[in-house]
Amino acid sequence: MRVLVGIGFILAGLAFLFYPQWELERHDQKQKQLIYAFEQMGSVSEHVPAEKTTAPTAQTSAPAALLAGAKGVIRIPKIDLEMMIFAGADSLVLNKGAGMIEPDKEFGKNNVGLAGHRGATRGKQFNRLDELAPNDEIDIQTKTANYRFVIVKTFVVDRTQVEVLDDQAEPLLTLVTCTPVGAKNPRERLIVQAKLSAKS
């Protein structure tokens, strides 16, 4: 009986040890599928009957419901981040990707705020934003254009200081996440603010 209990503890320990990595890989795979589906949107003529189009494989397809509210893709090379952007910033949105806090705003025109979760798993969602610094680059891909932003500053504010999302004289991108990582209902928000440097 003691042997079985011991084996049970070992298996539980291994599961606890490897679960964060498994969760991260699952999250990354889901993001890749969503991004692929987003990039394919509009690439097939709307006039082609559905039965004549080639269906994507299970590896590359994503249910249309998962892409509801899709606004684009954010990529931050320095921290190996590639994530979908969805309209809104409620819990359902933030569980799928980054949330566009004010969906009516436009990249390259307004100060667009993007919110993201931070979790215990390193590399998941926005939890490495604290590694970013001025001059690091952020790329945004939408259905109509690509934008490159260059970080100008990072700072921490109280969660009530929503004026960081106000429009400025130039187009901005403002990334928002809770800080510190792992705190329950933290009052502070880490802000990464970047200015537009290129559009294509």
N, C-alpha and C. Protein backbone atom coordinates (compact mmCIF):
# COMPACT_ATOMS: atom_id res chain seq x y z
N MET A 1 0.82 -1.21 0.00
CA MET A 1 0.00 0.00 0.00
C MET A 1 0.86 1.26 0.00
N ARG A 2 1.95 1.25 0.80
CA ARG A 2 2.84 2.41 0.85
C ARG A 2 3.49 2.67 -0.50
N VAL A 3 3.79 1.58 -1.20
CA VAL A 3 4.41 1.73 -2.53
C VAL A 3 3.43 2.44 -3.46
N LEU A 4 2.16 2.03 -3.43
CA LEU A 4 1.17 2.67 -4.29
C LEU A 4 0.99 4.14 -3.95
N VAL A 5 0.98 4.45 -2.66
CA VAL A 5 0.86 5.85 -2.23
C VAL A 5 2.07 6.64 -2.71
N GLY A 6 3.24 6.04 -2.58
CA GLY A 6 4.47 6.70 -3.03
C GLY A 6 4.45 6.96 -4.53
N ILE A 7 4.01 5.97 -5.30
CA ILE A 7 3.92 6.14 -6.75
C ILE A 7 2.91 7.24 -7.09
N GLY A 8 1.79 7.26 -6.33
CA GLY A 8 0.78 8.30 -6.55
C GLY A 8 1.35 9.69 -6.32
N PHE A 9 2.16 9.85 -5.25
CA PHE A 9 2.78 11.15 -4.97
C PHE A 9 3.76 11.54 -6.07
N ILE A 10 4.52 10.57 -6.56
CA ILE A 10 5.48 10.84 -7.63
C ILE A 10 4.76 11.30 -8.90
N LEU A 11 3.69 10.58 -9.26
CA LEU A 11 2.92 10.94 -10.45
C LEU A 11 2.28 12.32 -10.30
N ALA A 12 1.76 12.61 -9.12
CA ALA A 12 1.17 13.93 -8.88
C ALA A 12 2.23 15.02 -8.98
N GLY A 13 3.42 14.74 -8.46
CA GLY A 13 4.52 15.70 -8.54
C GLY A 13 4.93 15.97 -9.97
N LEU A 14 5.02 14.90 -10.77
CA LEU A 14 5.39 15.06 -12.18
C LEU A 14 4.33 15.85 -12.94
N ALA A 15 3.05 15.57 -12.64
CA ALA A 15 1.97 16.31 -13.30
C ALA A 15 2.04 17.79 -12.93
N PHE A 16 2.30 18.08 -11.66
CA PHE A 16 2.42 19.47 -11.20
C PHE A 16 3.60 20.16 -11.88
N LEU A 17 4.68 19.43 -12.07
CA LEU A 17 5.90 19.98 -12.67
C LEU A 17 5.72 20.28 -14.15
N PHE A 18 5.06 19.39 -14.87
CA PHE A 18 4.97 19.53 -16.32
C PHE A 18 3.70 20.23 -16.81
N TYR A 19 2.70 20.43 -15.94
CA TYR A 19 1.46 21.06 -16.37
C TYR A 19 1.66 22.46 -16.96
N PRO A 20 2.47 23.35 -16.33
CA PRO A 20 2.64 24.69 -16.92
C PRO A 20 3.19 24.64 -18.34
N GLN A 21 4.13 23.74 -18.62
CA GLN A 21 4.69 23.65 -19.97
C GLN A 21 3.64 23.13 -20.95
N TRP A 22 2.86 22.14 -20.53
CA TRP A 22 1.80 21.61 -21.38
C TRP A 22 0.77 22.69 -21.67
N GLU A 23 0.41 23.47 -20.64
CA GLU A 23 -0.58 24.54 -20.81
C GLU A 23 -0.06 25.60 -21.78
N LEU A 24 1.23 25.93 -21.67
CA LEU A 24 1.82 26.92 -22.56
C LEU A 24 1.81 26.43 -24.00
N GLU A 25 2.17 25.17 -24.22
CA GLU A 25 2.18 24.61 -25.57
C GLU A 25 0.77 24.57 -26.15
N ARG A 26 -0.21 24.25 -25.33
CA ARG A 26 -1.60 24.22 -25.77
C ARG A 26 -2.07 25.63 -26.15
N HIS A 27 -1.70 26.61 -25.34
CA HIS A 27 -2.04 28.01 -25.62
C HIS A 27 -1.39 28.47 -26.93
N ASP A 28 -0.11 28.14 -27.11
CA ASP A 28 0.61 28.54 -28.33
C ASP A 28 -0.02 27.91 -29.57
N GLN A 29 -0.40 26.64 -29.47
CA GLN A 29 -1.01 25.95 -30.61
C GLN A 29 -2.34 26.59 -30.97
N LYS A 30 -3.13 26.94 -29.96
CA LYS A 30 -4.42 27.59 -30.21
C LYS A 30 -4.21 28.95 -30.87
N GLN A 31 -3.22 29.71 -30.40
CA GLN A 31 -2.94 31.01 -31.00
C GLN A 31 -2.52 30.86 -32.46
N LYS A 32 -1.70 29.86 -32.77
CA LYS A 32 -1.25 29.63 -34.15
C LYS A 32 -2.44 29.31 -35.05
N GLN A 33 -3.38 28.51 -34.55
CA GLN A 33 -4.55 28.17 -35.34
C GLN A 33 -5.42 29.40 -35.59
N LEU A 34 -5.61 30.21 -34.54
CA LEU A 34 -6.40 31.42 -34.69
C LEU A 34 -5.75 32.40 -35.66
N ILE A 35 -4.43 32.57 -35.54
CA ILE A 35 -3.72 33.51 -36.40
C ILE A 35 -3.78 33.04 -37.86
N TYR A 36 -3.60 31.74 -38.07
CA TYR A 36 -3.69 31.21 -39.43
C TYR A 36 -5.07 31.50 -40.02
N ALA A 37 -6.11 31.22 -39.23
CA ALA A 37 -7.48 31.43 -39.72
C ALA A 37 -7.72 32.92 -39.99
N PHE A 38 -7.20 33.78 -39.11
CA PHE A 38 -7.36 35.22 -39.31
C PHE A 38 -6.68 35.67 -40.60
N GLU A 39 -5.48 35.16 -40.84
CA GLU A 39 -4.74 35.55 -42.04
C GLU A 39 -5.41 35.06 -43.31
N GLN A 40 -6.21 33.99 -43.21
CA GLN A 40 -6.91 33.46 -44.38
C GLN A 40 -8.22 34.18 -44.65
N MET A 41 -8.71 34.95 -43.68
CA MET A 41 -9.98 35.65 -43.85
C MET A 41 -9.88 36.61 -45.03
N GLY A 42 -10.82 36.49 -45.94
CA GLY A 42 -10.84 37.38 -47.10
C GLY A 42 -9.90 36.96 -48.22
N SER A 43 -9.16 35.87 -48.04
CA SER A 43 -8.24 35.45 -49.11
C SER A 43 -8.96 34.64 -50.18
N VAL A 44 -10.16 34.13 -49.86
CA VAL A 44 -10.97 33.41 -50.82
C VAL A 44 -12.14 34.30 -51.20
N SER A 45 -12.43 34.39 -52.47
CA SER A 45 -13.52 35.26 -52.93
C SER A 45 -14.84 34.89 -52.27
N GLU A 46 -15.59 35.93 -51.87
CA GLU A 46 -16.89 35.68 -51.24
C GLU A 46 -17.89 35.08 -52.22
N HIS A 47 -17.60 35.18 -53.52
CA HIS A 47 -18.54 34.67 -54.53
C HIS A 47 -18.31 33.20 -54.86
N VAL A 48 -17.26 32.59 -54.32
CA VAL A 48 -16.99 31.19 -54.58
C VAL A 48 -17.85 30.36 -53.64
N PRO A 49 -18.68 29.45 -54.17
CA PRO A 49 -19.52 28.62 -53.30
C PRO A 49 -18.68 27.84 -52.30
N ALA A 50 -19.20 27.65 -51.10
CA ALA A 50 -18.45 27.01 -50.02
C ALA A 50 -17.99 25.61 -50.41
N GLU A 51 -18.83 24.86 -51.17
CA GLU A 51 -18.47 23.48 -51.49
C GLU A 51 -17.28 23.39 -52.44
N LYS A 52 -16.92 24.51 -53.11
CA LYS A 52 -15.80 24.48 -54.04
C LYS A 52 -14.49 24.90 -53.40
N THR A 53 -14.54 25.37 -52.15
CA THR A 53 -13.31 25.78 -51.48
C THR A 53 -12.69 24.58 -50.78
N THR A 54 -11.39 24.62 -50.63
CA THR A 54 -10.68 23.54 -49.96
C THR A 54 -10.71 23.78 -48.46
N ALA A 55 -11.20 22.83 -47.73
CA ALA A 55 -11.27 22.98 -46.28
C ALA A 55 -9.89 22.84 -45.67
N PRO A 56 -9.51 23.73 -44.72
CA PRO A 56 -8.23 23.60 -44.05
C PRO A 56 -8.18 22.32 -43.22
N THR A 57 -7.00 21.87 -42.92
CA THR A 57 -6.83 20.68 -42.11
C THR A 57 -7.17 21.01 -40.67
N ALA A 58 -7.30 19.98 -39.85
CA ALA A 58 -7.60 20.18 -38.43
C ALA A 58 -6.50 20.96 -37.74
N GLN A 59 -5.27 20.82 -38.27
CA GLN A 59 -4.14 21.52 -37.67
C GLN A 59 -4.23 23.02 -37.86
N THR A 60 -4.89 23.47 -38.94
CA THR A 60 -4.85 24.89 -39.27
C THR A 60 -6.22 25.56 -39.23
N SER A 61 -7.26 24.83 -38.92
CA SER A 61 -8.59 25.43 -38.92
C SER A 61 -8.95 25.94 -37.53
N ALA A 62 -9.87 26.88 -37.52
CA ALA A 62 -10.39 27.39 -36.24
C ALA A 62 -11.86 27.67 -36.44
N PRO A 63 -12.71 27.28 -35.51
CA PRO A 63 -14.14 27.55 -35.65
C PRO A 63 -14.38 29.04 -35.81
N ALA A 64 -15.34 29.37 -36.67
CA ALA A 64 -15.65 30.78 -36.91
C ALA A 64 -15.99 31.51 -35.62
N ALA A 65 -16.63 30.82 -34.69
CA ALA A 65 -17.01 31.45 -33.42
C ALA A 65 -15.80 31.96 -32.66
N LEU A 66 -14.68 31.23 -32.77
CA LEU A 66 -13.47 31.65 -32.06
C LEU A 66 -12.88 32.93 -32.63
N LEU A 67 -13.20 33.23 -33.89
CA LEU A 67 -12.67 34.44 -34.52
C LEU A 67 -13.65 35.62 -34.42
N ALA A 68 -14.77 35.41 -33.77
CA ALA A 68 -15.73 36.52 -33.61
C ALA A 68 -15.05 37.67 -32.88
N GLY A 69 -15.13 38.86 -33.47
CA GLY A 69 -14.51 40.03 -32.86
C GLY A 69 -13.03 40.18 -33.11
N ALA A 70 -12.46 39.34 -33.98
CA ALA A 70 -11.02 39.43 -34.26
C ALA A 70 -10.67 40.77 -34.90
N LYS A 71 -9.66 41.42 -34.36
CA LYS A 71 -9.23 42.73 -34.85
C LYS A 71 -7.84 42.70 -35.48
N GLY A 72 -7.07 41.67 -35.17
CA GLY A 72 -5.73 41.61 -35.73
C GLY A 72 -4.83 40.68 -34.94
N VAL A 73 -3.52 40.84 -35.17
CA VAL A 73 -2.50 40.03 -34.50
C VAL A 73 -1.43 40.97 -33.96
N ILE A 74 -0.99 40.73 -32.73
CA ILE A 74 0.12 41.47 -32.16
C ILE A 74 1.33 40.55 -32.10
N ARG A 75 2.48 41.10 -32.51
CA ARG A 75 3.74 40.36 -32.44
C ARG A 75 4.80 41.24 -31.79
N ILE A 76 5.47 40.67 -30.78
CA ILE A 76 6.56 41.39 -30.11
C ILE A 76 7.78 40.47 -30.15
N PRO A 77 8.68 40.68 -31.13
CA PRO A 77 9.81 39.77 -31.32
C PRO A 77 10.69 39.58 -30.08
N LYS A 78 10.93 40.63 -29.33
CA LYS A 78 11.86 40.53 -28.19
C LYS A 78 11.42 39.50 -27.18
N ILE A 79 10.10 39.34 -26.98
CA ILE A 79 9.61 38.39 -25.97
C ILE A 79 8.87 37.21 -26.60
N ASP A 80 9.10 37.01 -27.90
CA ASP A 80 8.52 35.87 -28.62
C ASP A 80 7.00 35.80 -28.45
N LEU A 81 6.34 36.95 -28.51
CA LEU A 81 4.90 36.99 -28.35
C LEU A 81 4.22 37.10 -29.71
N GLU A 82 3.24 36.25 -29.95
CA GLU A 82 2.40 36.30 -31.14
C GLU A 82 1.00 35.92 -30.67
N MET A 83 0.05 36.88 -30.72
CA MET A 83 -1.25 36.64 -30.13
C MET A 83 -2.34 37.37 -30.91
N MET A 84 -3.51 36.77 -30.94
CA MET A 84 -4.66 37.41 -31.56
C MET A 84 -5.15 38.57 -30.71
N ILE A 85 -5.74 39.56 -31.40
CA ILE A 85 -6.38 40.71 -30.75
C ILE A 85 -7.88 40.62 -31.03
N PHE A 86 -8.69 40.75 -29.98
CA PHE A 86 -10.13 40.71 -30.11
C PHE A 86 -10.75 41.99 -29.55
N ALA A 87 -11.93 42.34 -30.06
CA ALA A 87 -12.64 43.52 -29.57
C ALA A 87 -13.13 43.29 -28.16
N GLY A 88 -12.91 44.28 -27.29
CA GLY A 88 -13.37 44.19 -25.91
C GLY A 88 -12.28 43.75 -24.97
N ALA A 89 -12.58 43.79 -23.68
CA ALA A 89 -11.56 43.40 -22.69
C ALA A 89 -12.18 42.68 -21.50
N ASP A 90 -13.29 41.94 -21.75
CA ASP A 90 -13.87 41.17 -20.66
C ASP A 90 -13.12 39.85 -20.50
N SER A 91 -13.51 39.06 -19.51
CA SER A 91 -12.76 37.83 -19.21
C SER A 91 -12.80 36.83 -20.35
N LEU A 92 -13.91 36.75 -21.08
CA LEU A 92 -14.00 35.82 -22.20
C LEU A 92 -13.00 36.19 -23.30
N VAL A 93 -12.90 37.48 -23.59
CA VAL A 93 -11.96 37.96 -24.60
C VAL A 93 -10.53 37.70 -24.16
N LEU A 94 -10.20 38.07 -22.91
CA LEU A 94 -8.82 37.95 -22.44
C LEU A 94 -8.39 36.49 -22.29
N ASN A 95 -9.33 35.57 -22.22
CA ASN A 95 -8.97 34.15 -22.20
C ASN A 95 -8.60 33.66 -23.60
N LYS A 96 -9.02 34.39 -24.64
CA LYS A 96 -8.69 34.01 -26.02
C LYS A 96 -7.43 34.69 -26.53
N GLY A 97 -7.17 35.92 -26.07
CA GLY A 97 -6.03 36.67 -26.59
C GLY A 97 -5.97 38.04 -25.95
N ALA A 98 -5.38 39.00 -26.67
CA ALA A 98 -5.33 40.37 -26.18
C ALA A 98 -6.66 41.04 -26.48
N GLY A 99 -7.07 41.96 -25.62
CA GLY A 99 -8.35 42.64 -25.80
C GLY A 99 -8.17 44.09 -26.18
N MET A 100 -8.89 44.53 -27.21
CA MET A 100 -8.87 45.93 -27.62
C MET A 100 -9.86 46.67 -26.74
N ILE A 101 -9.34 47.48 -25.81
CA ILE A 101 -10.16 48.09 -24.77
C ILE A 101 -11.27 48.96 -25.35
N GLU A 102 -10.95 49.75 -26.37
CA GLU A 102 -11.95 50.58 -27.04
C GLU A 102 -11.98 50.18 -28.52
N PRO A 103 -12.83 49.22 -28.87
CA PRO A 103 -12.82 48.63 -30.22
C PRO A 103 -13.07 49.60 -31.36
N ASP A 104 -13.66 50.77 -31.08
CA ASP A 104 -13.94 51.73 -32.15
C ASP A 104 -12.70 52.54 -32.55
N LYS A 105 -11.66 52.47 -31.76
CA LYS A 105 -10.44 53.19 -32.10
C LYS A 105 -9.73 52.49 -33.26
N GLU A 106 -8.84 53.23 -33.95
CA GLU A 106 -8.14 52.69 -35.11
C GLU A 106 -6.63 52.72 -34.90
N PHE A 107 -5.98 51.61 -35.27
CA PHE A 107 -4.52 51.57 -35.25
C PHE A 107 -3.99 52.61 -36.24
N GLY A 108 -2.91 53.27 -35.86
CA GLY A 108 -2.30 54.25 -36.75
C GLY A 108 -3.01 55.58 -36.77
N LYS A 109 -4.06 55.72 -35.96
CA LYS A 109 -4.81 56.97 -35.91
C LYS A 109 -5.03 57.43 -34.46
N ASN A 110 -5.43 56.49 -33.60
CA ASN A 110 -5.73 56.80 -32.20
C ASN A 110 -4.67 56.23 -31.26
N ASN A 111 -4.93 56.41 -29.97
CA ASN A 111 -4.16 55.72 -28.93
C ASN A 111 -4.94 54.45 -28.63
N VAL A 112 -4.51 53.34 -29.20
CA VAL A 112 -5.22 52.06 -29.06
C VAL A 112 -4.69 51.31 -27.84
N GLY A 113 -5.58 51.00 -26.91
CA GLY A 113 -5.20 50.25 -25.72
C GLY A 113 -5.49 48.78 -25.88
N LEU A 114 -4.50 47.96 -25.58
CA LEU A 114 -4.66 46.50 -25.61
C LEU A 114 -4.40 45.95 -24.22
N ALA A 115 -5.34 45.17 -23.71
CA ALA A 115 -5.20 44.54 -22.39
C ALA A 115 -4.87 43.07 -22.56
N GLY A 116 -4.13 42.54 -21.60
CA GLY A 116 -3.80 41.13 -21.63
C GLY A 116 -3.54 40.61 -20.23
N HIS A 117 -3.85 39.32 -20.04
CA HIS A 117 -3.60 38.67 -18.75
C HIS A 117 -2.10 38.45 -18.55
N ARG A 118 -1.74 38.28 -17.29
CA ARG A 118 -0.42 37.77 -16.93
C ARG A 118 -0.66 36.55 -16.07
N GLY A 119 0.06 35.48 -16.36
CA GLY A 119 -0.14 34.26 -15.61
C GLY A 119 1.17 33.72 -15.07
N ALA A 120 1.06 32.63 -14.34
CA ALA A 120 2.25 32.02 -13.74
C ALA A 120 3.14 31.35 -14.78
N THR A 121 2.56 30.99 -15.93
CA THR A 121 3.33 30.30 -16.95
C THR A 121 4.16 31.31 -17.75
N ARG A 122 5.47 31.18 -17.72
CA ARG A 122 6.34 32.15 -18.40
C ARG A 122 6.08 32.12 -19.90
N GLY A 123 5.92 33.31 -20.49
CA GLY A 123 5.72 33.40 -21.92
C GLY A 123 4.27 33.38 -22.34
N LYS A 124 3.35 33.21 -21.38
CA LYS A 124 1.94 33.15 -21.74
C LYS A 124 1.34 34.55 -21.69
N GLN A 125 0.64 34.91 -22.74
CA GLN A 125 -0.05 36.18 -22.85
C GLN A 125 0.91 37.35 -22.57
N PHE A 126 0.54 38.27 -21.68
CA PHE A 126 1.34 39.48 -21.48
C PHE A 126 2.31 39.37 -20.30
N ASN A 127 2.65 38.15 -19.87
CA ASN A 127 3.40 38.11 -18.62
C ASN A 127 4.88 38.45 -18.75
N ARG A 128 5.38 38.71 -19.96
CA ARG A 128 6.77 39.15 -20.10
C ARG A 128 6.87 40.62 -20.52
N LEU A 129 5.79 41.36 -20.39
CA LEU A 129 5.83 42.77 -20.78
C LEU A 129 6.87 43.56 -20.00
N ASP A 130 7.16 43.12 -18.76
CA ASP A 130 8.13 43.85 -17.96
C ASP A 130 9.56 43.76 -18.51
N GLU A 131 9.79 42.90 -19.50
CA GLU A 131 11.12 42.79 -20.11
C GLU A 131 11.33 43.81 -21.23
N LEU A 132 10.24 44.48 -21.62
CA LEU A 132 10.34 45.43 -22.73
C LEU A 132 10.93 46.76 -22.27
N ALA A 133 11.56 47.46 -23.23
CA ALA A 133 12.23 48.73 -22.93
C ALA A 133 12.10 49.65 -24.13
N PRO A 134 12.37 50.95 -23.95
CA PRO A 134 12.32 51.88 -25.08
C PRO A 134 13.15 51.38 -26.26
N ASN A 135 12.61 51.61 -27.45
CA ASN A 135 13.18 51.23 -28.75
C ASN A 135 12.88 49.79 -29.17
N ASP A 136 12.29 48.98 -28.28
CA ASP A 136 11.83 47.66 -28.71
C ASP A 136 10.63 47.85 -29.64
N GLU A 137 10.43 46.89 -30.54
CA GLU A 137 9.39 47.03 -31.56
C GLU A 137 8.18 46.13 -31.30
N ILE A 138 7.02 46.62 -31.72
CA ILE A 138 5.77 45.87 -31.64
C ILE A 138 5.11 45.95 -33.01
N ASP A 139 4.72 44.81 -33.57
CA ASP A 139 4.06 44.78 -34.87
C ASP A 139 2.59 44.41 -34.69
N ILE A 140 1.74 45.14 -35.42
CA ILE A 140 0.30 44.87 -35.43
C ILE A 140 -0.11 44.58 -36.86
N GLN A 141 -0.78 43.46 -37.06
CA GLN A 141 -1.31 43.08 -38.38
C GLN A 141 -2.82 43.10 -38.30
N THR A 142 -3.46 43.87 -39.18
CA THR A 142 -4.91 43.86 -39.27
C THR A 142 -5.29 43.31 -40.64
N LYS A 143 -6.58 43.26 -40.94
CA LYS A 143 -7.03 42.77 -42.25
C LYS A 143 -6.68 43.74 -43.37
N THR A 144 -6.40 44.98 -43.03
CA THR A 144 -6.17 45.99 -44.08
C THR A 144 -4.77 46.57 -44.11
N ALA A 145 -4.00 46.43 -43.03
CA ALA A 145 -2.67 47.04 -43.01
C ALA A 145 -1.80 46.41 -41.93
N ASN A 146 -0.50 46.71 -42.02
CA ASN A 146 0.47 46.31 -41.00
C ASN A 146 1.07 47.57 -40.39
N TYR A 147 1.25 47.55 -39.08
CA TYR A 147 1.77 48.71 -38.37
C TYR A 147 2.96 48.29 -37.52
N ARG A 148 3.96 49.16 -37.48
CA ARG A 148 5.10 48.94 -36.58
C ARG A 148 5.13 50.08 -35.58
N PHE A 149 5.21 49.71 -34.31
CA PHE A 149 5.31 50.69 -33.23
C PHE A 149 6.65 50.51 -32.52
N VAL A 150 7.19 51.60 -32.02
CA VAL A 150 8.44 51.57 -31.26
C VAL A 150 8.14 52.05 -29.84
N ILE A 151 8.54 51.26 -28.87
CA ILE A 151 8.25 51.60 -27.48
C ILE A 151 8.98 52.87 -27.07
N VAL A 152 8.25 53.78 -26.42
CA VAL A 152 8.85 55.02 -25.94
C VAL A 152 8.99 55.03 -24.41
N LYS A 153 8.09 54.32 -23.71
CA LYS A 153 8.23 54.29 -22.25
C LYS A 153 7.41 53.15 -21.64
N THR A 154 7.84 52.72 -20.47
CA THR A 154 7.09 51.74 -19.67
C THR A 154 6.97 52.32 -18.26
N PHE A 155 5.82 52.13 -17.64
CA PHE A 155 5.61 52.69 -16.31
C PHE A 155 4.45 51.97 -15.64
N VAL A 156 4.26 52.24 -14.36
CA VAL A 156 3.20 51.61 -13.59
C VAL A 156 2.24 52.69 -13.11
N VAL A 157 0.93 52.39 -13.20
CA VAL A 157 -0.09 53.33 -12.74
C VAL A 157 -1.10 52.59 -11.87
N ASP A 158 -1.89 53.35 -11.13
CA ASP A 158 -3.02 52.78 -10.40
C ASP A 158 -4.08 52.41 -11.43
N ARG A 159 -4.86 51.39 -11.13
CA ARG A 159 -5.86 50.90 -12.10
C ARG A 159 -6.94 51.93 -12.42
N THR A 160 -7.03 52.98 -11.60
CA THR A 160 -8.02 54.03 -11.86
C THR A 160 -7.52 55.08 -12.86
N GLN A 161 -6.24 55.05 -13.20
CA GLN A 161 -5.66 56.08 -14.06
C GLN A 161 -5.86 55.74 -15.54
N VAL A 162 -7.11 55.78 -15.97
CA VAL A 162 -7.46 55.40 -17.34
C VAL A 162 -7.08 56.47 -18.36
N GLU A 163 -6.60 57.62 -17.89
CA GLU A 163 -6.19 58.66 -18.83
C GLU A 163 -5.01 58.24 -19.70
N VAL A 164 -4.32 57.15 -19.33
CA VAL A 164 -3.23 56.66 -20.18
C VAL A 164 -3.75 56.21 -21.54
N LEU A 165 -5.07 56.03 -21.65
CA LEU A 165 -5.69 55.59 -22.91
C LEU A 165 -6.21 56.76 -23.74
N ASP A 166 -6.07 57.97 -23.23
CA ASP A 166 -6.54 59.14 -23.98
C ASP A 166 -5.74 59.31 -25.27
N ASP A 167 -6.42 59.77 -26.32
CA ASP A 167 -5.72 60.06 -27.57
C ASP A 167 -4.73 61.19 -27.38
N GLN A 168 -3.63 61.12 -28.12
CA GLN A 168 -2.57 62.13 -28.06
C GLN A 168 -2.41 62.76 -29.45
N ALA A 169 -1.41 63.60 -29.58
CA ALA A 169 -1.17 64.29 -30.85
C ALA A 169 -0.72 63.32 -31.94
N GLU A 170 -0.15 62.18 -31.54
CA GLU A 170 0.33 61.19 -32.51
C GLU A 170 -0.28 59.83 -32.20
N PRO A 171 -0.33 58.94 -33.19
CA PRO A 171 -0.88 57.59 -32.96
C PRO A 171 -0.02 56.82 -31.96
N LEU A 172 -0.67 56.17 -31.02
CA LEU A 172 0.03 55.39 -30.00
C LEU A 172 -0.57 53.99 -29.88
N LEU A 173 0.20 53.11 -29.28
CA LEU A 173 -0.26 51.79 -28.88
C LEU A 173 0.06 51.68 -27.40
N THR A 174 -0.95 51.36 -26.58
CA THR A 174 -0.75 51.27 -25.14
C THR A 174 -1.12 49.87 -24.67
N LEU A 175 -0.13 49.12 -24.19
CA LEU A 175 -0.37 47.78 -23.66
C LEU A 175 -0.58 47.88 -22.16
N VAL A 176 -1.59 47.16 -21.65
CA VAL A 176 -1.97 47.25 -20.24
C VAL A 176 -2.07 45.84 -19.67
N THR A 177 -1.45 45.64 -18.50
CA THR A 177 -1.58 44.36 -17.81
C THR A 177 -1.42 44.57 -16.32
N CYS A 178 -1.91 43.61 -15.54
CA CYS A 178 -1.80 43.71 -14.09
C CYS A 178 -0.37 43.51 -13.63
N THR A 179 -0.05 44.12 -12.51
CA THR A 179 1.27 43.93 -11.91
C THR A 179 1.11 44.05 -10.39
N PRO A 180 1.88 43.26 -9.61
CA PRO A 180 2.86 42.26 -10.02
C PRO A 180 2.20 40.95 -10.45
N VAL A 181 2.98 40.11 -11.12
CA VAL A 181 2.48 38.81 -11.57
C VAL A 181 2.06 37.99 -10.35
N GLY A 182 0.91 37.37 -10.46
CA GLY A 182 0.46 36.46 -9.40
C GLY A 182 -0.30 37.11 -8.27
N ALA A 183 -0.35 38.45 -8.23
CA ALA A 183 -1.07 39.12 -7.15
C ALA A 183 -2.58 38.98 -7.37
N LYS A 184 -3.31 38.82 -6.28
CA LYS A 184 -4.77 38.70 -6.38
C LYS A 184 -5.39 40.09 -6.36
N ASN A 185 -6.17 40.41 -7.39
CA ASN A 185 -6.80 41.72 -7.53
C ASN A 185 -5.83 42.88 -7.32
N PRO A 186 -4.73 42.91 -8.08
CA PRO A 186 -3.75 43.99 -7.89
C PRO A 186 -4.33 45.35 -8.29
N ARG A 187 -3.91 46.37 -7.59
CA ARG A 187 -4.39 47.73 -7.87
C ARG A 187 -3.59 48.39 -8.98
N GLU A 188 -2.41 47.87 -9.26
CA GLU A 188 -1.53 48.55 -10.22
C GLU A 188 -1.56 47.89 -11.60
N ARG A 189 -1.26 48.71 -12.62
CA ARG A 189 -1.20 48.24 -14.00
C ARG A 189 0.14 48.62 -14.60
N LEU A 190 0.77 47.64 -15.24
CA LEU A 190 1.99 47.90 -16.00
C LEU A 190 1.57 48.43 -17.36
N ILE A 191 2.16 49.53 -17.78
CA ILE A 191 1.84 50.16 -19.05
C ILE A 191 3.07 50.16 -19.95
N VAL A 192 2.89 49.74 -21.18
CA VAL A 192 3.94 49.84 -22.20
C VAL A 192 3.35 50.69 -23.32
N GLN A 193 3.98 51.84 -23.57
CA GLN A 193 3.45 52.76 -24.56
C GLN A 193 4.42 52.90 -25.73
N ALA A 194 3.87 52.83 -26.95
CA ALA A 194 4.71 52.86 -28.14
C ALA A 194 4.11 53.82 -29.17
N LYS A 195 4.97 54.42 -29.99
CA LYS A 195 4.52 55.34 -31.03
C LYS A 195 4.65 54.67 -32.40
N LEU A 196 3.80 55.09 -33.31
CA LEU A 196 3.80 54.53 -34.67
C LEU A 196 5.09 54.92 -35.39
N SER A 197 5.74 53.94 -36.01
CA SER A 197 6.95 54.25 -36.78
C SER A 197 6.82 53.90 -38.25
N ALA A 198 5.90 52.98 -38.61
CA ALA A 198 5.73 52.61 -40.01
C ALA A 198 4.37 51.97 -40.23
N LYS A 199 3.85 52.11 -41.45
CA LYS A 199 2.60 51.49 -41.86
C LYS A 199 2.76 50.98 -43.28
N SER A 200 2.28 49.76 -43.52
CA SER A 200 2.37 49.21 -44.89
C SER A 200 1.10 48.47 -45.25
